C-alpha atoms as a PDB file:
ATOM      1  CA  MET A   1       0.000   0.000   0.000  1.00  0.00           C
ATOM      2  CA  GLU A   2       1.246   3.500  -0.810  1.00  0.00           C
ATOM      3  CA  THR A   3       2.187   5.449   2.321  1.00  0.00           C
ATOM      4  CA  LEU A   4      -0.277   8.214   3.161  1.00  0.00           C
ATOM      5  CA  ILE A   5       2.217  10.986   3.892  1.00  0.00           C
ATOM      6  CA  TYR A   6       5.435  11.465   1.927  1.00  0.00           C
ATOM      7  CA  GLN A   7       7.050  13.752  -0.630  1.00  0.00           C
ATOM      8  CA  LYS A   8       8.473  12.797  -3.995  1.00  0.00           C
ATOM      9  CA  ASP A   9      11.644  14.500  -5.205  1.00  0.00           C
ATOM     10  CA  GLU A  10      10.321  15.005  -8.707  1.00  0.00           C
ATOM     11  CA  ALA A  11      11.596  18.555  -9.189  1.00  0.00           C
ATOM     12  CA  ASN A  12      15.209  17.422  -9.510  1.00  0.00           C
ATOM     13  CA  GLY A  13      14.435  14.247 -11.377  1.00  0.00           C
ATOM     14  CA  LYS A  14      15.666  12.141  -8.470  1.00  0.00           C
ATOM     15  CA  SER A  15      14.119   8.909  -7.268  1.00  0.00           C
ATOM     16  CA  SER A  16      14.487   9.543  -3.518  1.00  0.00           C
ATOM     17  CA  VAL A  17      11.472  10.302  -1.325  1.00  0.00           C
ATOM     18  CA  ARG A  18      11.002  11.938   2.059  1.00  0.00           C
ATOM     19  CA  CYS A  19       8.804  10.028   4.475  1.00  0.00           C
ATOM     20  CA  MET A  20       6.554  12.412   6.423  1.00  0.00           C
ATOM     21  CA  MET A  21       5.176   9.875   8.867  1.00  0.00           C
ATOM     22  CA  CYS A  22       7.413  10.542  11.853  1.00  0.00           C
ATOM     23  CA  SER A  23       9.888  13.105  13.097  1.00  0.00           C
ATOM     24  CA  HIS A  24      12.865  11.318  11.560  1.00  0.00           C
ATOM     25  CA  TYR A  25      11.602  12.562   8.169  1.00  0.00           C
ATOM     26  CA  CYS A  26      13.722   9.884   6.483  1.00  0.00           C
ATOM     27  CA  ILE A  27      15.040  10.586   2.996  1.00  0.00           C
ATOM     28  CA  ILE A  28      14.841   7.169   1.370  1.00  0.00           C
ATOM     29  CA  LYS A  29      16.638   6.220  -1.821  1.00  0.00           C
ATOM     30  CA  LYS A  30      15.196   3.937  -4.450  1.00  0.00           C
ATOM     31  CA  GLY A  31      14.958   0.350  -3.207  1.00  0.00           C
ATOM     32  CA  LYS A  32      15.815   1.324   0.380  1.00  0.00           C
ATOM     33  CA  LYS A  33      13.819   1.376   3.618  1.00  0.00           C
ATOM     34  CA  GLY A  34      13.401   3.995   6.311  1.00  0.00           C
ATOM     35  CA  ILE A  35      14.596   3.702   9.898  1.00  0.00           C
ATOM     36  CA  CYS A  36      11.432   1.769  10.808  1.00  0.00           C
ATOM     37  CA  ARG A  37      12.259  -0.849   8.131  1.00  0.00           C
ATOM     38  CA  VAL A  38       8.617  -1.166   7.136  1.00  0.00           C
ATOM     39  CA  ARG A  39       8.445   1.618   4.525  1.00  0.00           C
ATOM     40  CA  GLU A  40      10.277   1.154   1.248  1.00  0.00           C
ATOM     41  CA  ASN A  41      10.938   3.359  -1.755  1.00  0.00           C
ATOM     42  CA  SER A  42       9.669   1.348  -4.713  1.00  0.00           C
ATOM     43  CA  GLU A  43      10.438   3.203  -7.943  1.00  0.00           C
ATOM     44  CA  GLY A  44       9.821   6.563  -6.289  1.00  0.00           C
ATOM     45  CA  CYS A  45       6.642   5.439  -4.510  1.00  0.00           C
ATOM     46  CA  LEU A  46       6.850   4.965  -0.757  1.00  0.00           C
ATOM     47  CA  GLN A  47       5.142   1.733   0.207  1.00  0.00           C
ATOM     48  CA  SER A  48       4.023   0.333   3.551  1.00  0.00           C
ATOM     49  CA  LEU A  49       5.358  -3.226   3.750  1.00  0.00           C
ATOM     50  CA  THR A  50       3.006  -4.263   6.540  1.00  0.00           C
ATOM     51  CA  TYR A  51      -0.498  -3.084   5.601  1.00  0.00           C
ATOM     52  CA  PRO A  52      -2.885  -4.700   6.492  1.00  0.00           C
ATOM     53  CA  ASN A  53      -0.922  -7.319   8.450  1.00  0.00           C
ATOM     54  CA  VAL A  54      -1.277  -7.652  12.202  1.00  0.00           C
ATOM     55  CA  ILE A  55       1.498  -9.397  14.120  1.00  0.00           C
ATOM     56  CA  ALA A  56      -0.256  -9.302  17.509  1.00  0.00           C
ATOM     57  CA  LYS A  57      -3.827  -8.923  18.711  1.00  0.00           C
ATOM     58  CA  SER A  58      -5.378  -9.404  22.117  1.00  0.00           C
ATOM     59  CA  ILE A  59      -8.252  -8.350  24.330  1.00  0.00           C
ATOM     60  CA  ASP A  60      -6.511  -6.551  27.189  1.00  0.00           C
ATOM     61  CA  PRO A  61      -7.558  -4.710  30.314  1.00  0.00           C
ATOM     62  CA  ILE A  62      -7.327  -0.996  29.521  1.00  0.00           C
ATOM     63  CA  GLU A  63      -5.026  -0.729  32.559  1.00  0.00           C
ATOM     64  CA  LYS A  64      -2.408  -2.773  30.696  1.00  0.00           C
ATOM     65  CA  LYS A  65      -1.711   0.065  28.257  1.00  0.00           C
ATOM     66  CA  PRO A  66      -1.393   1.632  30.905  1.00  0.00           C
ATOM     67  CA  ILE A  67      -4.467   3.860  30.772  1.00  0.00           C
ATOM     68  CA  PHE A  68      -6.083   4.417  34.186  1.00  0.00           C
ATOM     69  CA  HIS A  69      -8.453   7.295  33.458  1.00  0.00           C
ATOM     70  CA  LEU A  70     -10.425   6.093  30.426  1.00  0.00           C
ATOM     71  CA  LYS A  71     -13.125   3.578  31.317  1.00  0.00           C
ATOM     72  CA  PRO A  72     -11.151   1.804  34.087  1.00  0.00           C
ATOM     73  CA  GLY A  73     -12.019  -1.862  34.386  1.00  0.00           C
ATOM     74  CA  SER A  74     -12.996  -2.117  30.708  1.00  0.00           C
ATOM     75  CA  THR A  75     -11.271  -4.125  27.982  1.00  0.00           C
ATOM     76  CA  SER A  76      -9.474  -2.794  24.946  1.00  0.00           C
ATOM     77  CA  TYR A  77      -9.047  -4.630  21.637  1.00  0.00           C
ATOM     78  CA  SER A  78      -5.305  -4.314  21.034  1.00  0.00           C
ATOM     79  CA  ILE A  79      -3.401  -4.657  17.772  1.00  0.00           C
ATOM     80  CA  ALA A  80       0.111  -4.178  16.435  1.00  0.00           C
ATOM     81  CA  SER A  81       2.189  -4.612  13.334  1.00  0.00           C
ATOM     82  CA  VAL A  82       5.953  -5.205  13.201  1.00  0.00           C
ATOM     83  CA  GLY A  83       8.564  -2.488  13.372  1.00  0.00           C
ATOM     84  CA  CYS A  84       9.422   0.678  15.258  1.00  0.00           C
ATOM     85  CA  ASN A  85      10.969   4.060  14.520  1.00  0.00           C
ATOM     86  CA  PHE A  86      13.041   3.908  17.735  1.00  0.00           C
ATOM     87  CA  LYS A  87      15.994   1.613  18.448  1.00  0.00           C
ATOM     88  CA  CYS A  88      15.689   1.417  22.221  1.00  0.00           C
ATOM     89  CA  THR A  89      18.359  -0.819  23.732  1.00  0.00           C
ATOM     90  CA  PHE A  90      15.911  -1.555  26.572  1.00  0.00           C
ATOM     91  CA  CYS A  91      12.933  -2.366  24.320  1.00  0.00           C
ATOM     92  CA  GLN A  92      10.277  -4.352  26.179  1.00  0.00           C
ATOM     93  CA  ASN A  93       8.739  -5.835  22.991  1.00  0.00           C
ATOM     94  CA  ALA A  94      11.845  -6.334  20.875  1.00  0.00           C
ATOM     95  CA  ASP A  95      10.608  -9.629  19.432  1.00  0.00           C
ATOM     96  CA  ILE A  96       8.064  -7.738  17.331  1.00  0.00           C
ATOM     97  CA  ALA A  97       9.182  -4.096  17.504  1.00  0.00           C
ATOM     98  CA  GLN A  98      12.850  -4.421  16.569  1.00  0.00           C
ATOM     99  CA  ILE A  99      12.330  -6.469  13.438  1.00  0.00           C
ATOM    100  CA  GLY A 100      11.176  -5.861   9.906  1.00  0.00           C
ATOM    101  CA  PRO A 101       9.231  -7.933   7.396  1.00  0.00           C
ATOM    102  CA  ASP A 102      12.465  -9.095   5.754  1.00  0.00           C
ATOM    103  CA  GLN A 103      13.181 -11.125   8.895  1.00  0.00           C
ATOM    104  CA  PHE A 104       9.998 -13.183   8.528  1.00  0.00           C
ATOM    105  CA  GLY A 105       9.565 -16.208   6.323  1.00  0.00           C
ATOM    106  CA  PRO A 106       6.775 -16.143   3.742  1.00  0.00           C
ATOM    107  CA  GLU A 107       4.491 -18.332   5.829  1.00  0.00           C
ATOM    108  CA  GLN A 108       4.891 -16.039   8.842  1.00  0.00           C
ATOM    109  CA  PHE A 109       4.699 -12.650   7.244  1.00  0.00           C
ATOM    110  CA  GLU A 110       3.849 -12.474   3.551  1.00  0.00           C
ATOM    111  CA  SER A 111       0.686 -14.527   4.003  1.00  0.00           C
ATOM    112  CA  GLY A 112       0.691 -13.069   7.501  1.00  0.00           C
ATOM    113  CA  ARG A 113      -2.320 -12.093   9.499  1.00  0.00           C
ATOM    114  CA  PRO A 114      -4.162  -9.597   7.320  1.00  0.00           C
ATOM    115  CA  MET A 115      -7.016  -7.856   9.092  1.00  0.00           C
ATOM    116  CA  ALA A 116      -9.304  -5.339   7.457  1.00  0.00           C
ATOM    117  CA  PRO A 117     -10.216  -2.297   9.571  1.00  0.00           C
ATOM    118  CA  GLU A 118     -13.852  -3.410   9.399  1.00  0.00           C
ATOM    119  CA  THR A 119     -12.903  -6.780  10.896  1.00  0.00           C
ATOM    120  CA  ILE A 120     -10.928  -5.207  13.737  1.00  0.00           C
ATOM    121  CA  VAL A 121     -13.801  -2.900  14.673  1.00  0.00           C
ATOM    122  CA  GLU A 122     -16.400  -5.653  14.457  1.00  0.00           C
ATOM    123  CA  GLU A 123     -14.350  -8.051  16.596  1.00  0.00           C
ATOM    124  CA  ALA A 124     -13.856  -5.285  19.161  1.00  0.00           C
ATOM    125  CA  ARG A 125     -17.593  -4.624  19.326  1.00  0.00           C
ATOM    126  CA  ILE A 126     -18.558  -8.306  19.531  1.00  0.00           C
ATOM    127  CA  SER A 127     -16.052  -8.887  22.342  1.00  0.00           C
ATOM    128  CA  GLY A 128     -17.536  -6.056  24.393  1.00  0.00           C
ATOM    129  CA  CYS A 129     -14.455  -3.847  24.314  1.00  0.00           C
ATOM    130  CA  LYS A 130     -14.945  -0.140  24.959  1.00  0.00           C
ATOM    131  CA  SER A 131     -11.876   0.832  22.963  1.00  0.00           C
ATOM    132  CA  ILE A 132      -9.303  -0.177  20.384  1.00  0.00           C
ATOM    133  CA  SER A 133      -5.642   0.254  21.330  1.00  0.00           C
ATOM    134  CA  TYR A 134      -2.840   0.623  18.826  1.00  0.00           C
ATOM    135  CA  THR A 135      -0.006  -0.715  20.929  1.00  0.00           C
ATOM    136  CA  TYR A 136       2.814  -3.259  21.574  1.00  0.00           C
ATOM    137  CA  THR A 137       4.939  -1.643  18.833  1.00  0.00           C
ATOM    138  CA  GLU A 138       4.923   1.991  17.705  1.00  0.00           C
ATOM    139  CA  PRO A 139       1.551   2.575  15.979  1.00  0.00           C
ATOM    140  CA  THR A 140       2.978   5.321  13.778  1.00  0.00           C
ATOM    141  CA  VAL A 141       4.730   2.652  11.703  1.00  0.00           C
ATOM    142  CA  PHE A 142       1.389   1.007  10.924  1.00  0.00           C
ATOM    143  CA  PHE A 143      -0.345   4.353  10.616  1.00  0.00           C
ATOM    144  CA  GLU A 144      -2.456   3.485   7.573  1.00  0.00           C
ATOM    145  CA  LEU A 145      -4.156   0.554   9.306  1.00  0.00           C
ATOM    146  CA  ALA A 146      -4.506   2.464  12.579  1.00  0.00           C
ATOM    147  CA  PHE A 147      -5.926   5.549  10.862  1.00  0.00           C
ATOM    148  CA  GLU A 148      -8.533   3.658   8.837  1.00  0.00           C
ATOM    149  CA  THR A 149      -9.515   1.580  11.860  1.00  0.00           C
ATOM    150  CA  ALA A 150      -9.768   4.621  14.136  1.00  0.00           C
ATOM    151  CA  GLN A 151     -12.146   6.353  11.731  1.00  0.00           C
ATOM    152  CA  LEU A 152     -14.480   3.356  11.681  1.00  0.00           C
ATOM    153  CA  ALA A 153     -14.159   2.779  15.429  1.00  0.00           C
ATOM    154  CA  LYS A 154     -15.231   6.324  16.233  1.00  0.00           C
ATOM    155  CA  GLU A 155     -18.286   5.937  13.986  1.00  0.00           C
ATOM    156  CA  LYS A 156     -19.247   2.824  15.978  1.00  0.00           C
ATOM    157  CA  GLY A 157     -18.871   4.558  19.338  1.00  0.00           C
ATOM    158  CA  LEU A 158     -15.543   3.013  20.351  1.00  0.00           C
ATOM    159  CA  PHE A 159     -12.682   4.931  21.925  1.00  0.00           C
ATOM    160  CA  ASN A 160      -9.304   4.939  20.174  1.00  0.00           C
ATOM    161  CA  VAL A 161      -6.129   4.690  22.261  1.00  0.00           C
ATOM    162  CA  PHE A 162      -2.624   5.341  20.925  1.00  0.00           C
ATOM    163  CA  VAL A 163       0.206   3.820  22.976  1.00  0.00           C
ATOM    164  CA  THR A 164       3.141   5.621  21.482  1.00  0.00           C
ATOM    165  CA  ASN A 165       6.651   6.991  21.796  1.00  0.00           C
ATOM    166  CA  GLY A 166       5.252  10.326  20.624  1.00  0.00           C
ATOM    167  CA  TYR A 167       7.582  10.643  17.621  1.00  0.00           C
ATOM    168  CA  MET A 168       4.907  10.921  14.954  1.00  0.00           C
ATOM    169  CA  SER A 169       5.191  13.888  12.602  1.00  0.00           C
ATOM    170  CA  VAL A 170       3.047  16.986  12.953  1.00  0.00           C
ATOM    171  CA  GLU A 171       1.370  16.001   9.689  1.00  0.00           C
ATOM    172  CA  ALA A 172       0.487  12.504  10.928  1.00  0.00           C
ATOM    173  CA  LEU A 173      -0.738  13.801  14.276  1.00  0.00           C
ATOM    174  CA  ASP A 174      -2.963  16.384  12.589  1.00  0.00           C
ATOM    175  CA  MET A 175      -4.635  13.574  10.645  1.00  0.00           C
ATOM    176  CA  LEU A 176      -5.021  11.431  13.748  1.00  0.00           C
ATOM    177  CA  LEU A 177      -6.236  13.950  16.331  1.00  0.00           C
ATOM    178  CA  PRO A 178      -9.921  13.999  15.297  1.00  0.00           C
ATOM    179  CA  TYR A 179     -10.167  10.268  15.962  1.00  0.00           C
ATOM    180  CA  ILE A 180      -8.115   9.434  19.062  1.00  0.00           C
ATOM    181  CA  SER A 181      -9.610   9.639  22.531  1.00  0.00           C
ATOM    182  CA  ALA A 182      -6.602   8.858  24.682  1.00  0.00           C
ATOM    183  CA  ALA A 183      -2.877   8.276  24.430  1.00  0.00           C
ATOM    184  CA  ASN A 184      -0.231   6.858  26.671  1.00  0.00           C
ATOM    185  CA  VAL A 185       3.028   8.455  25.638  1.00  0.00           C
ATOM    186  CA  ASP A 186       6.421   7.170  26.718  1.00  0.00           C
ATOM    187  CA  LEU A 187       8.387  10.054  28.163  1.00  0.00           C
ATOM    188  CA  LYS A 188      11.513   7.960  28.347  1.00  0.00           C
ATOM    189  CA  SER A 189      13.772  10.599  29.804  1.00  0.00           C
ATOM    190  CA  PHE A 190      14.044  14.349  30.163  1.00  0.00           C
ATOM    191  CA  ASP A 191      17.542  14.344  28.675  1.00  0.00           C
ATOM    192  CA  ASP A 192      18.066  14.697  24.941  1.00  0.00           C
ATOM    193  CA  GLN A 193      21.369  12.836  25.171  1.00  0.00           C
ATOM    194  CA  PHE A 194      19.537   9.829  26.615  1.00  0.00           C
ATOM    195  CA  TYR A 195      17.187   9.820  23.617  1.00  0.00           C
ATOM    196  CA  LYS A 196      20.098  10.107  21.184  1.00  0.00           C
ATOM    197  CA  LYS A 197      22.216   7.386  22.787  1.00  0.00           C
ATOM    198  CA  TYR A 198      19.641   4.798  23.833  1.00  0.00           C
ATOM    199  CA  CYS A 199      16.715   5.391  21.442  1.00  0.00           C
ATOM    200  CA  LYS A 200      18.365   6.953  18.358  1.00  0.00           C
ATOM    201  CA  ALA A 201      15.859   9.798  18.537  1.00  0.00           C
ATOM    202  CA  ARG A 202      15.393  13.237  20.121  1.00  0.00           C
ATOM    203  CA  LEU A 203      13.372  14.585  23.042  1.00  0.00           C
ATOM    204  CA  ALA A 204      11.945  17.775  21.502  1.00  0.00           C
ATOM    205  CA  PRO A 205       9.548  16.113  18.997  1.00  0.00           C
ATOM    206  CA  VAL A 206       8.134  13.935  21.797  1.00  0.00           C
ATOM    207  CA  LYS A 207       7.363  16.973  23.939  1.00  0.00           C
ATOM    208  CA  LYS A 208       5.826  18.717  20.944  1.00  0.00           C
ATOM    209  CA  SER A 209       3.489  15.771  20.279  1.00  0.00           C
ATOM    210  CA  ILE A 210       2.446  15.525  23.925  1.00  0.00           C
ATOM    211  CA  GLU A 211       1.667  19.235  24.109  1.00  0.00           C
ATOM    212  CA  LYS A 212      -0.254  19.143  20.836  1.00  0.00           C
ATOM    213  CA  MET A 213      -2.363  16.201  22.052  1.00  0.00           C
ATOM    214  CA  LYS A 214      -3.142  17.934  25.336  1.00  0.00           C
ATOM    215  CA  LYS A 215      -4.128  21.143  23.548  1.00  0.00           C
ATOM    216  CA  ALA A 216      -6.462  19.159  21.282  1.00  0.00           C
ATOM    217  CA  GLY A 217      -8.267  17.622  24.266  1.00  0.00           C
ATOM    218  CA  VAL A 218      -6.835  14.101  24.036  1.00  0.00           C
ATOM    219  CA  LEU A 219      -6.728  12.302  27.403  1.00  0.00           C
ATOM    220  CA  VAL A 220      -2.964  11.964  27.805  1.00  0.00           C
ATOM    221  CA  GLU A 221      -1.206   9.718  30.288  1.00  0.00           C
ATOM    222  CA  LEU A 222       2.588   9.441  30.442  1.00  0.00           C
ATOM    223  CA  THR A 223       4.857   6.502  31.218  1.00  0.00           C
ATOM    224  CA  THR A 224       8.506   6.620  32.255  1.00  0.00           C
ATOM    225  CA  LEU A 225      10.421   3.352  32.477  1.00  0.00           C
ATOM    226  CA  LEU A 226      12.834   4.061  35.317  1.00  0.00           C
ATOM    227  CA  ILE A 227      16.243   2.551  34.488  1.00  0.00           C
ATOM    228  CA  PRO A 228      18.814   2.395  37.284  1.00  0.00           C
ATOM    229  CA  GLY A 229      21.670   4.813  36.718  1.00  0.00           C
ATOM    230  CA  LEU A 230      20.322   6.214  33.443  1.00  0.00           C
ATOM    231  CA  ASN A 231      17.173   8.286  33.953  1.00  0.00           C
ATOM    232  CA  ASP A 232      16.529   8.049  37.691  1.00  0.00           C
ATOM    233  CA  GLY A 233      18.490  11.063  38.907  1.00  0.00           C
ATOM    234  CA  GLU A 234      16.573  13.371  41.225  1.00  0.00           C
ATOM    235  CA  ASN A 235      17.282  16.516  39.188  1.00  0.00           C
ATOM    236  CA  GLU A 236      16.027  14.934  35.968  1.00  0.00           C
ATOM    237  CA  LEU A 237      12.928  13.522  37.618  1.00  0.00           C
ATOM    238  CA  ALA A 238      12.173  16.863  39.278  1.00  0.00           C
ATOM    239  CA  ALA A 239      12.498  18.632  35.909  1.00  0.00           C
ATOM    240  CA  MET A 240      10.208  16.069  34.299  1.00  0.00           C
ATOM    241  CA  ALA A 241       7.607  16.362  37.053  1.00  0.00           C
ATOM    242  CA  ASP A 242       7.721  20.148  36.849  1.00  0.00           C
ATOM    243  CA  TYR A 243       7.196  19.967  33.076  1.00  0.00           C
ATOM    244  CA  ILE A 244       4.194  17.676  33.464  1.00  0.00           C
ATOM    245  CA  ALA A 245       2.621  19.795  36.196  1.00  0.00           C
ATOM    246  CA  ASN A 246       3.196  23.246  34.740  1.00  0.00           C
ATOM    247  CA  THR A 247       3.194  22.710  30.967  1.00  0.00           C
ATOM    248  CA  LEU A 248       0.747  19.827  30.579  1.00  0.00           C
ATOM    249  CA  GLY A 249      -1.363  20.206  33.715  1.00  0.00           C
ATOM    250  CA  LYS A 250      -1.375  18.692  37.191  1.00  0.00           C
ATOM    251  CA  GLU A 251      -4.213  16.369  36.211  1.00  0.00           C
ATOM    252  CA  THR A 252      -1.951  14.517  33.734  1.00  0.00           C
ATOM    253  CA  PRO A 253      -1.363  10.969  35.072  1.00  0.00           C
ATOM    254  CA  TRP A 254       2.279   9.877  35.312  1.00  0.00           C
ATOM    255  CA  HIS A 255       3.108   6.148  35.374  1.00  0.00           C
ATOM    256  CA  ILE A 256       6.567   5.326  36.719  1.00  0.00           C
ATOM    257  CA  SER A 257       7.333   1.804  35.585  1.00  0.00           C
ATOM    258  CA  ARG A 258       9.843  -0.715  36.915  1.00  0.00           C
ATOM    259  CA  PHE A 259      12.632  -1.751  34.541  1.00  0.00           C
ATOM    260  CA  HIS A 260      13.551  -5.403  34.036  1.00  0.00           C
ATOM    261  CA  PRO A 261      16.685  -6.401  32.081  1.00  0.00           C
ATOM    262  CA  CYS A 262      15.861  -7.201  28.462  1.00  0.00           C
ATOM    263  CA  HIS A 263      16.910  -6.903  24.808  1.00  0.00           C
ATOM    264  CA  LYS A 264      20.346  -5.247  24.691  1.00  0.00           C
ATOM    265  CA  MET A 265      20.276  -3.953  28.258  1.00  0.00           C
ATOM    266  CA  THR A 266      20.795  -6.995  30.432  1.00  0.00           C
ATOM    267  CA  ASP A 267      23.685  -5.509  32.401  1.00  0.00           C
ATOM    268  CA  ARG A 268      21.439  -3.640  34.848  1.00  0.00           C
ATOM    269  CA  HIS A 269      19.379  -4.918  37.723  1.00  0.00           C
ATOM    270  CA  PRO A 270      15.641  -4.306  38.051  1.00  0.00           C
ATOM    271  CA  THR A 271      14.676  -0.920  39.403  1.00  0.00           C
ATOM    272  CA  PRO A 272      14.706  -0.898  43.215  1.00  0.00           C
ATOM    273  CA  VAL A 273      11.282  -0.190  44.650  1.00  0.00           C
ATOM    274  CA  SER A 274      12.880   2.588  46.700  1.00  0.00           C
ATOM    275  CA  SER A 275      13.843   4.378  43.458  1.00  0.00           C
ATOM    276  CA  LEU A 276      10.287   4.094  42.178  1.00  0.00           C
ATOM    277  CA  GLU A 277       8.945   5.469  45.446  1.00  0.00           C
ATOM    278  CA  ASN A 278      11.410   8.349  45.279  1.00  0.00           C
ATOM    279  CA  ALA A 279      10.180   9.235  41.780  1.00  0.00           C
ATOM    280  CA  TYR A 280       6.598   8.978  43.035  1.00  0.00           C
ATOM    281  CA  ASN A 281       7.338  11.413  45.849  1.00  0.00           C
ATOM    282  CA  ILE A 282       8.994  13.828  43.430  1.00  0.00           C
ATOM    283  CA  GLY A 283       5.889  13.752  41.238  1.00  0.00           C
ATOM    284  CA  LYS A 284       3.583  14.375  44.169  1.00  0.00           C
ATOM    285  CA  ALA A 285       5.818  17.190  45.455  1.00  0.00           C
ATOM    286  CA  ALA A 286       5.449  18.868  42.057  1.00  0.00           C
ATOM    287  CA  GLY A 287       1.698  18.869  42.603  1.00  0.00           C
ATOM    288  CA  LEU A 288       0.703  16.056  40.257  1.00  0.00           C
ATOM    289  CA  TRP A 289      -2.721  14.655  41.099  1.00  0.00           C
ATOM    290  CA  HIS A 290      -2.174  11.112  39.863  1.00  0.00           C
ATOM    291  CA  VAL A 291       1.190   9.353  40.053  1.00  0.00           C
ATOM    292  CA  TYR A 292       1.371   5.572  39.686  1.00  0.00           C
ATOM    293  CA  ILE A 293       4.046   2.912  40.062  1.00  0.00           C
ATOM    294  CA  GLY A 294       3.917   0.146  37.462  1.00  0.00           C
ATOM    295  CA  ASN A 295       5.215  -3.432  37.395  1.00  0.00           C
ATOM    296  CA  VAL A 296       4.964  -3.662  41.192  1.00  0.00           C
ATOM    297  CA  PRO A 297       1.475  -5.102  41.764  1.00  0.00           C
ATOM    298  CA  GLY A 298      -0.330  -5.122  45.069  1.00  0.00           C
ATOM    299  CA  THR A 299       0.660  -1.680  46.364  1.00  0.00           C
ATOM    300  CA  ASP A 300      -1.369   1.454  46.997  1.00  0.00           C
ATOM    301  CA  TYR A 301       0.670   3.145  44.262  1.00  0.00           C
ATOM    302  CA  GLU A 302      -1.573   1.640  41.560  1.00  0.00           C
ATOM    303  CA  ASN A 303      -4.776   3.023  43.108  1.00  0.00           C
ATOM    304  CA  THR A 304      -6.506   6.262  42.158  1.00  0.00           C
ATOM    305  CA  HIS A 305      -7.181   8.713  44.976  1.00  0.00           C
ATOM    306  CA  CYS A 306      -9.157  11.952  45.054  1.00  0.00           C
ATOM    307  CA  HIS A 307      -6.713  14.782  44.414  1.00  0.00           C
ATOM    308  CA  SER A 308      -8.708  17.009  46.745  1.00  0.00           C
ATOM    309  CA  CYS A 309      -9.228  14.919  49.903  1.00  0.00           C
ATOM    310  CA  GLY A 310      -7.223  11.722  49.281  1.00  0.00           C
ATOM    311  CA  GLU A 311     -10.203   9.350  49.357  1.00  0.00           C
ATOM    312  CA  LEU A 312      -9.733   6.034  47.522  1.00  0.00           C
ATOM    313  CA  LEU A 313     -11.628   6.203  44.200  1.00  0.00           C
ATOM    314  CA  VAL A 314     -10.389   3.252  42.149  1.00  0.00           C
ATOM    315  CA  LYS A 315      -8.816   0.220  43.783  1.00  0.00           C
ATOM    316  CA  ARG A 316      -6.533  -1.958  41.652  1.00  0.00           C
ATOM    317  CA  PHE A 317      -4.695  -5.210  42.153  1.00  0.00           C
ATOM    318  CA  GLY A 318      -2.907  -6.078  38.948  1.00  0.00           C
ATOM    319  CA  TYR A 319      -5.688  -5.844  36.385  1.00  0.00           C
ATOM    320  CA  GLN A 320      -8.541  -6.290  38.848  1.00  0.00           C
ATOM    321  CA  THR A 321     -10.333  -2.973  39.222  1.00  0.00           C
ATOM    322  CA  LYS A 322     -13.023  -1.746  41.603  1.00  0.00           C
ATOM    323  CA  ILE A 323     -14.542   1.706  41.136  1.00  0.00           C
ATOM    324  CA  LEU A 324     -15.653   3.315  44.402  1.00  0.00           C
ATOM    325  CA  MET A 325     -16.949   6.640  43.056  1.00  0.00           C
ATOM    326  CA  GLN A 326     -20.471   8.024  43.072  1.00  0.00           C
ATOM    327  CA  GLU A 327     -22.178   9.011  39.807  1.00  0.00           C
ATOM    328  CA  CYS A 328     -19.258   7.399  37.946  1.00  0.00           C
ATOM    329  CA  ASP A 329     -16.701  10.181  38.518  1.00  0.00           C
ATOM    330  CA  LYS A 330     -17.400  11.891  41.858  1.00  0.00           C
ATOM    331  CA  CYS A 331     -15.501  11.367  45.089  1.00  0.00           C
ATOM    332  CA  PRO A 332     -17.869   9.746  47.616  1.00  0.00           C
ATOM    333  CA  LYS A 333     -16.368  11.821  50.431  1.00  0.00           C
ATOM    334  CA  CYS A 334     -16.043  15.383  49.094  1.00  0.00           C
ATOM    335  CA  GLY A 335     -17.852  15.285  45.735  1.00  0.00           C
ATOM    336  CA  THR A 336     -14.811  16.379  43.692  1.00  0.00           C
ATOM    337  CA  ARG A 337     -14.832  15.083  40.133  1.00  0.00           C
ATOM    338  CA  CYS A 338     -11.981  12.776  39.179  1.00  0.00           C
ATOM    339  CA  PHE A 339     -10.056  13.535  35.999  1.00  0.00           C
ATOM    340  CA  GLY A 340     -10.931  11.215  33.141  1.00  0.00           C
ATOM    341  CA  VAL A 341     -13.759   9.405  31.404  1.00  0.00           C
ATOM    342  CA  PHE A 342     -15.592   6.946  33.617  1.00  0.00           C
END
């Protein structure tokens, strides 16, 4: 399928193209692929190599995304295709994200798992899901399938959730914004050098996407995977918390997730719980209403409390959820409305 957003270099009679899908803005020569490895310049036409193939699908708790403030306790029909526009050495889904279609045999990929947008939406509705999540890998790399599906899903009354690194282009985000309800964006660090060294990307475009989503009214939640010795310094975390509170808004949920050794980063130990708690305290000190600790089930840090009086509003244990609010979104103690869609 021809990629939706790219520029041909016809003026100079060249065969290269510029992909406009993400903030890498790859210039791709004839016969070559972009950084994501799933878009190829075929005779001056940029093609998606994955559409409409789905490498993973599942019915997940919405909390798994993690999204805690959009229909908590509901399920989300989740899909992904192969590839990613980041090269994170600590990638949590490297088996599907850090590969391209050329690494699959014909029985696995070329015949693949094609799914029409209509099929995805219908299966989501039949299964009782409240939303469709574009997740597991970076959804920008399977933008065409996600975009077509999101349009149909909105028509059928389903929410659309983007779980993303936030590196989509301004052009792609402008197309997407009318159709997405919520996004969980990885704010991997607040240091541009971290992004350059460990992700082969930059921080500024991520911040720009987050701010644009918030301005457009998308329910944005952020996730930071806390990696010992790399992005867990108090000064960096304080700067990140201040940015969330004062640029995005104190209501913006921040998920601080525990790192486990994986992919190309097996030399570090899992994040100490004390480090996660320190980051939590920094977030709360900055005035954030909702700070969560992920990958450490069974603690109060995964519960939602009233930002006004501290009353327990949503109790969680893993993916088991109990809503304790009145009239769906009001604190039973003080009547304050909780941020989100309940």
